[in-house]
Amino acid sequence: MDRTHRELTDEDVARIADTYHAWRGEKEAGEYADVPGFCKSAPLDEVRKHGHVLTPGRYVGAEAVEDDGEPFEEKMRRLIATLREQQAEAAKLDAAIAANLKELGYGG
């Protein structure tokens, strides 16, 4: 829905429920496993270490991201070059829109 809210699909709800049942040890639910970025069974000592703060990110961590093989510095140079091209194109489009509005009598 937005940056802080997510609308769960039926598949999301099923995955959460299946994970919960596996964590509880229900035989038909299969074997439970921690999944980075999704779930973790944190022991009480770890929760104590964090002052009993239950913010999921403290325990779950982030989902592993595949390395695309492009070195960071090269990728940043490429992305910045693309950004500059897009900014130049945006400036041209803004000027064209302003000219069209002026021609229609709405320019300043």
N, C-alpha and C. Protein backbone atom coordinates (compact mmCIF):
# COMPACT_ATOMS: atom_id res chain seq x y z
N MET A 1 0.83 -1.19 0.00
CA MET A 1 0.00 0.00 0.00
C MET A 1 0.88 1.25 0.00
N ASP A 2 1.86 1.29 0.90
CA ASP A 2 2.82 2.38 0.92
C ASP A 2 4.09 1.88 1.61
N ARG A 3 4.98 2.81 1.93
CA ARG A 3 6.29 2.43 2.49
C ARG A 3 6.18 1.68 3.82
N THR A 4 5.18 1.99 4.62
CA THR A 4 5.06 1.38 5.94
C THR A 4 3.90 0.39 6.06
N HIS A 5 3.06 0.31 5.06
CA HIS A 5 1.92 -0.60 5.11
C HIS A 5 1.94 -1.51 3.90
N ARG A 6 1.58 -2.76 4.13
CA ARG A 6 1.56 -3.72 3.04
C ARG A 6 0.24 -4.48 3.09
N GLU A 7 -0.40 -4.60 1.95
CA GLU A 7 -1.62 -5.37 1.86
C GLU A 7 -1.23 -6.82 1.59
N LEU A 8 -1.61 -7.72 2.48
CA LEU A 8 -1.23 -9.12 2.35
C LEU A 8 -2.14 -9.85 1.36
N THR A 9 -1.51 -10.61 0.48
CA THR A 9 -2.27 -11.45 -0.45
C THR A 9 -2.64 -12.75 0.27
N ASP A 10 -3.48 -13.53 -0.35
CA ASP A 10 -3.83 -14.84 0.22
C ASP A 10 -2.58 -15.71 0.36
N GLU A 11 -1.65 -15.59 -0.60
CA GLU A 11 -0.41 -16.36 -0.54
C GLU A 11 0.46 -15.91 0.63
N ASP A 12 0.50 -14.59 0.89
CA ASP A 12 1.24 -14.07 2.04
C ASP A 12 0.69 -14.64 3.35
N VAL A 13 -0.63 -14.59 3.49
CA VAL A 13 -1.28 -15.08 4.70
C VAL A 13 -1.01 -16.57 4.88
N ALA A 14 -1.08 -17.34 3.79
CA ALA A 14 -0.82 -18.78 3.86
C ALA A 14 0.63 -19.04 4.27
N ARG A 15 1.57 -18.28 3.73
CA ARG A 15 2.98 -18.46 4.08
C ARG A 15 3.21 -18.17 5.56
N ILE A 16 2.62 -17.10 6.05
CA ILE A 16 2.74 -16.75 7.47
C ILE A 16 2.14 -17.84 8.34
N ALA A 17 0.94 -18.29 7.99
CA ALA A 17 0.27 -19.33 8.77
C ALA A 17 1.08 -20.63 8.75
N ASP A 18 1.56 -21.02 7.58
CA ASP A 18 2.34 -22.25 7.47
C ASP A 18 3.62 -22.16 8.31
N THR A 19 4.26 -21.00 8.29
CA THR A 19 5.48 -20.79 9.07
C THR A 19 5.18 -20.88 10.55
N TYR A 20 4.09 -20.28 10.97
CA TYR A 20 3.70 -20.32 12.38
C TYR A 20 3.45 -21.76 12.83
N HIS A 21 2.71 -22.51 12.02
CA HIS A 21 2.41 -23.91 12.39
C HIS A 21 3.68 -24.75 12.43
N ALA A 22 4.59 -24.50 11.51
CA ALA A 22 5.88 -25.22 11.53
C ALA A 22 6.67 -24.83 12.77
N TRP A 23 6.68 -23.56 13.12
CA TRP A 23 7.39 -23.09 14.32
C TRP A 23 6.83 -23.74 15.58
N ARG A 24 5.51 -23.95 15.60
CA ARG A 24 4.86 -24.60 16.75
C ARG A 24 5.19 -26.09 16.80
N GLY A 25 5.75 -26.62 15.72
CA GLY A 25 6.14 -28.02 15.70
C GLY A 25 5.04 -28.97 15.24
N GLU A 26 4.03 -28.44 14.61
CA GLU A 26 2.94 -29.28 14.11
C GLU A 26 3.47 -30.15 12.97
N LYS A 27 3.31 -31.44 13.10
CA LYS A 27 3.92 -32.39 12.17
C LYS A 27 3.53 -32.15 10.72
N GLU A 28 2.25 -31.88 10.46
CA GLU A 28 1.80 -31.71 9.08
C GLU A 28 2.26 -30.39 8.45
N ALA A 29 2.84 -29.51 9.26
CA ALA A 29 3.29 -28.21 8.75
C ALA A 29 4.70 -28.24 8.21
N GLY A 30 5.43 -29.32 8.44
CA GLY A 30 6.80 -29.41 7.95
C GLY A 30 7.79 -28.86 8.96
N GLU A 31 9.04 -28.77 8.52
CA GLU A 31 10.15 -28.34 9.38
C GLU A 31 10.25 -26.82 9.39
N TYR A 32 10.38 -26.23 10.57
CA TYR A 32 10.57 -24.79 10.69
C TYR A 32 12.02 -24.44 10.40
N ALA A 33 12.23 -23.31 9.72
CA ALA A 33 13.58 -22.79 9.49
C ALA A 33 13.52 -21.27 9.49
N ASP A 34 14.52 -20.62 10.12
CA ASP A 34 14.63 -19.17 10.06
C ASP A 34 14.86 -18.76 8.61
N VAL A 35 14.23 -17.68 8.18
CA VAL A 35 14.39 -17.17 6.82
C VAL A 35 14.74 -15.69 6.92
N PRO A 36 15.98 -15.30 6.56
CA PRO A 36 16.37 -13.89 6.65
C PRO A 36 15.36 -12.99 5.93
N GLY A 37 14.97 -11.92 6.61
CA GLY A 37 14.02 -10.98 6.04
C GLY A 37 12.57 -11.40 6.21
N PHE A 38 12.33 -12.59 6.78
CA PHE A 38 10.95 -13.07 6.94
C PHE A 38 10.65 -13.54 8.35
N CYS A 39 11.44 -14.48 8.88
CA CYS A 39 11.12 -15.02 10.20
C CYS A 39 12.37 -15.51 10.92
N LYS A 40 12.29 -15.47 12.25
CA LYS A 40 13.38 -16.00 13.06
C LYS A 40 12.81 -16.37 14.42
N SER A 41 13.20 -17.50 14.92
CA SER A 41 12.82 -17.94 16.26
C SER A 41 13.96 -17.53 17.19
N ALA A 42 13.78 -16.40 17.87
CA ALA A 42 14.84 -15.84 18.72
C ALA A 42 14.71 -16.40 20.13
N PRO A 43 15.80 -16.91 20.70
CA PRO A 43 15.75 -17.40 22.08
C PRO A 43 15.59 -16.22 23.06
N LEU A 44 15.07 -16.50 24.24
CA LEU A 44 14.81 -15.47 25.23
C LEU A 44 16.06 -14.68 25.58
N ASP A 45 17.22 -15.33 25.62
CA ASP A 45 18.46 -14.61 25.92
C ASP A 45 18.73 -13.50 24.90
N GLU A 46 18.45 -13.77 23.65
CA GLU A 46 18.65 -12.76 22.60
C GLU A 46 17.67 -11.61 22.77
N VAL A 47 16.43 -11.92 23.15
CA VAL A 47 15.42 -10.88 23.38
C VAL A 47 15.84 -10.03 24.58
N ARG A 48 16.34 -10.66 25.63
CA ARG A 48 16.85 -9.93 26.80
C ARG A 48 17.98 -8.98 26.41
N LYS A 49 18.89 -9.49 25.56
CA LYS A 49 20.03 -8.70 25.11
C LYS A 49 19.58 -7.40 24.45
N HIS A 50 18.43 -7.43 23.80
CA HIS A 50 17.88 -6.26 23.11
C HIS A 50 16.90 -5.49 24.00
N GLY A 51 16.96 -5.74 25.30
CA GLY A 51 16.09 -5.01 26.23
C GLY A 51 14.62 -5.32 26.06
N HIS A 52 14.30 -6.52 25.62
CA HIS A 52 12.93 -6.98 25.39
C HIS A 52 12.20 -6.18 24.33
N VAL A 53 12.95 -5.51 23.47
CA VAL A 53 12.37 -4.79 22.33
C VAL A 53 12.08 -5.83 21.26
N LEU A 54 10.86 -5.85 20.77
CA LEU A 54 10.45 -6.90 19.83
C LEU A 54 10.35 -6.41 18.38
N THR A 55 11.06 -5.37 18.03
CA THR A 55 11.08 -4.89 16.66
C THR A 55 11.64 -6.01 15.77
N PRO A 56 10.87 -6.48 14.80
CA PRO A 56 11.31 -7.64 14.01
C PRO A 56 12.68 -7.49 13.36
N GLY A 57 13.00 -6.30 12.87
CA GLY A 57 14.27 -6.10 12.18
C GLY A 57 15.49 -6.41 13.03
N ARG A 58 15.35 -6.31 14.35
CA ARG A 58 16.47 -6.63 15.24
C ARG A 58 16.83 -8.11 15.17
N TYR A 59 15.88 -8.92 14.83
CA TYR A 59 16.07 -10.37 14.86
C TYR A 59 16.09 -10.99 13.47
N VAL A 60 15.15 -10.57 12.64
CA VAL A 60 14.97 -11.19 11.33
C VAL A 60 16.07 -10.81 10.36
N GLY A 61 16.53 -9.56 10.42
CA GLY A 61 17.55 -9.10 9.49
C GLY A 61 16.96 -8.79 8.14
N ALA A 62 17.80 -8.77 7.15
CA ALA A 62 17.38 -8.43 5.79
C ALA A 62 17.51 -9.64 4.89
N GLU A 63 16.66 -9.69 3.91
CA GLU A 63 16.70 -10.74 2.90
C GLU A 63 18.00 -10.63 2.12
N ALA A 64 18.59 -11.77 1.83
CA ALA A 64 19.84 -11.77 1.06
C ALA A 64 19.60 -11.23 -0.34
N VAL A 65 20.49 -10.38 -0.80
CA VAL A 65 20.38 -9.78 -2.13
C VAL A 65 21.46 -10.40 -3.00
N GLU A 66 21.05 -10.81 -4.20
CA GLU A 66 22.01 -11.41 -5.12
C GLU A 66 23.00 -10.37 -5.62
N ASP A 67 24.25 -10.75 -5.70
CA ASP A 67 25.29 -9.88 -6.24
C ASP A 67 25.19 -9.94 -7.76
N ASP A 68 25.06 -8.77 -8.38
CA ASP A 68 24.94 -8.75 -9.84
C ASP A 68 26.29 -8.76 -10.54
N GLY A 69 27.37 -8.79 -9.75
CA GLY A 69 28.70 -8.89 -10.32
C GLY A 69 29.29 -7.56 -10.77
N GLU A 70 28.51 -6.49 -10.74
CA GLU A 70 29.01 -5.18 -11.14
C GLU A 70 29.57 -4.48 -9.91
N PRO A 71 30.83 -4.09 -9.94
CA PRO A 71 31.42 -3.40 -8.78
C PRO A 71 30.63 -2.13 -8.44
N PHE A 72 30.52 -1.85 -7.15
CA PHE A 72 29.71 -0.73 -6.67
C PHE A 72 30.10 0.59 -7.33
N GLU A 73 31.38 0.89 -7.38
CA GLU A 73 31.82 2.17 -7.95
C GLU A 73 31.40 2.31 -9.42
N GLU A 74 31.53 1.24 -10.18
CA GLU A 74 31.11 1.27 -11.60
C GLU A 74 29.60 1.46 -11.71
N LYS A 75 28.87 0.73 -10.87
CA LYS A 75 27.42 0.82 -10.90
C LYS A 75 26.97 2.24 -10.57
N MET A 76 27.58 2.85 -9.55
CA MET A 76 27.20 4.22 -9.18
C MET A 76 27.50 5.19 -10.30
N ARG A 77 28.67 5.06 -10.95
CA ARG A 77 28.99 5.95 -12.08
C ARG A 77 27.96 5.78 -13.19
N ARG A 78 27.60 4.54 -13.50
CA ARG A 78 26.62 4.28 -14.56
C ARG A 78 25.26 4.85 -14.19
N LEU A 79 24.83 4.63 -12.94
CA LEU A 79 23.52 5.13 -12.51
C LEU A 79 23.48 6.65 -12.48
N ILE A 80 24.56 7.28 -12.04
CA ILE A 80 24.60 8.75 -12.02
C ILE A 80 24.57 9.30 -13.44
N ALA A 81 25.27 8.66 -14.37
CA ALA A 81 25.24 9.09 -15.78
C ALA A 81 23.82 8.99 -16.32
N THR A 82 23.13 7.90 -16.01
CA THR A 82 21.74 7.73 -16.44
C THR A 82 20.86 8.81 -15.84
N LEU A 83 21.07 9.08 -14.54
CA LEU A 83 20.30 10.11 -13.87
C LEU A 83 20.50 11.47 -14.55
N ARG A 84 21.73 11.82 -14.86
CA ARG A 84 22.02 13.11 -15.51
C ARG A 84 21.32 13.19 -16.88
N GLU A 85 21.33 12.09 -17.63
CA GLU A 85 20.64 12.06 -18.93
C GLU A 85 19.14 12.28 -18.74
N GLN A 86 18.58 11.62 -17.74
CA GLN A 86 17.14 11.75 -17.49
C GLN A 86 16.79 13.15 -17.01
N GLN A 87 17.68 13.76 -16.20
CA GLN A 87 17.43 15.12 -15.76
C GLN A 87 17.47 16.09 -16.94
N ALA A 88 18.40 15.89 -17.86
CA ALA A 88 18.48 16.75 -19.05
C ALA A 88 17.21 16.59 -19.89
N GLU A 89 16.76 15.37 -20.08
CA GLU A 89 15.53 15.11 -20.83
C GLU A 89 14.34 15.74 -20.14
N ALA A 90 14.29 15.65 -18.81
CA ALA A 90 13.19 16.25 -18.05
C ALA A 90 13.18 17.77 -18.23
N ALA A 91 14.35 18.39 -18.24
CA ALA A 91 14.44 19.84 -18.44
C ALA A 91 13.89 20.23 -19.81
N LYS A 92 14.25 19.42 -20.85
CA LYS A 92 13.73 19.69 -22.20
C LYS A 92 12.21 19.57 -22.22
N LEU A 93 11.69 18.53 -21.59
CA LEU A 93 10.24 18.33 -21.56
C LEU A 93 9.54 19.45 -20.79
N ASP A 94 10.14 19.88 -19.68
CA ASP A 94 9.56 21.00 -18.92
C ASP A 94 9.50 22.25 -19.78
N ALA A 95 10.56 22.52 -20.52
CA ALA A 95 10.59 23.70 -21.39
C ALA A 95 9.53 23.59 -22.48
N ALA A 96 9.37 22.40 -23.05
CA ALA A 96 8.36 22.19 -24.10
C ALA A 96 6.96 22.38 -23.53
N ILE A 97 6.71 21.89 -22.34
CA ILE A 97 5.40 22.06 -21.71
C ILE A 97 5.14 23.54 -21.43
N ALA A 98 6.15 24.23 -20.89
CA ALA A 98 6.01 25.65 -20.61
C ALA A 98 5.70 26.44 -21.90
N ALA A 99 6.40 26.11 -23.00
CA ALA A 99 6.17 26.78 -24.28
C ALA A 99 4.75 26.51 -24.77
N ASN A 100 4.29 25.27 -24.64
CA ASN A 100 2.93 24.94 -25.08
C ASN A 100 1.89 25.69 -24.23
N LEU A 101 2.13 25.76 -22.93
CA LEU A 101 1.19 26.51 -22.07
C LEU A 101 1.17 27.98 -22.43
N LYS A 102 2.34 28.54 -22.72
CA LYS A 102 2.43 29.95 -23.10
C LYS A 102 1.68 30.20 -24.40
N GLU A 103 1.84 29.27 -25.35
CA GLU A 103 1.16 29.39 -26.64
C GLU A 103 -0.36 29.33 -26.47
N LEU A 104 -0.82 28.60 -25.46
CA LEU A 104 -2.25 28.49 -25.18
C LEU A 104 -2.78 29.66 -24.32
N GLY A 105 -1.85 30.53 -23.94
CA GLY A 105 -2.25 31.69 -23.15
C GLY A 105 -2.17 31.49 -21.66
N TYR A 106 -1.51 30.44 -21.21
CA TYR A 106 -1.42 30.15 -19.78
C TYR A 106 0.01 30.29 -19.24
N GLY A 107 0.90 30.82 -20.06
CA GLY A 107 2.29 30.97 -19.63
C GLY A 107 2.50 32.25 -18.85
N GLY A 108 3.57 32.28 -18.08
CA GLY A 108 3.81 33.45 -17.24
C GLY A 108 4.81 34.38 -17.72
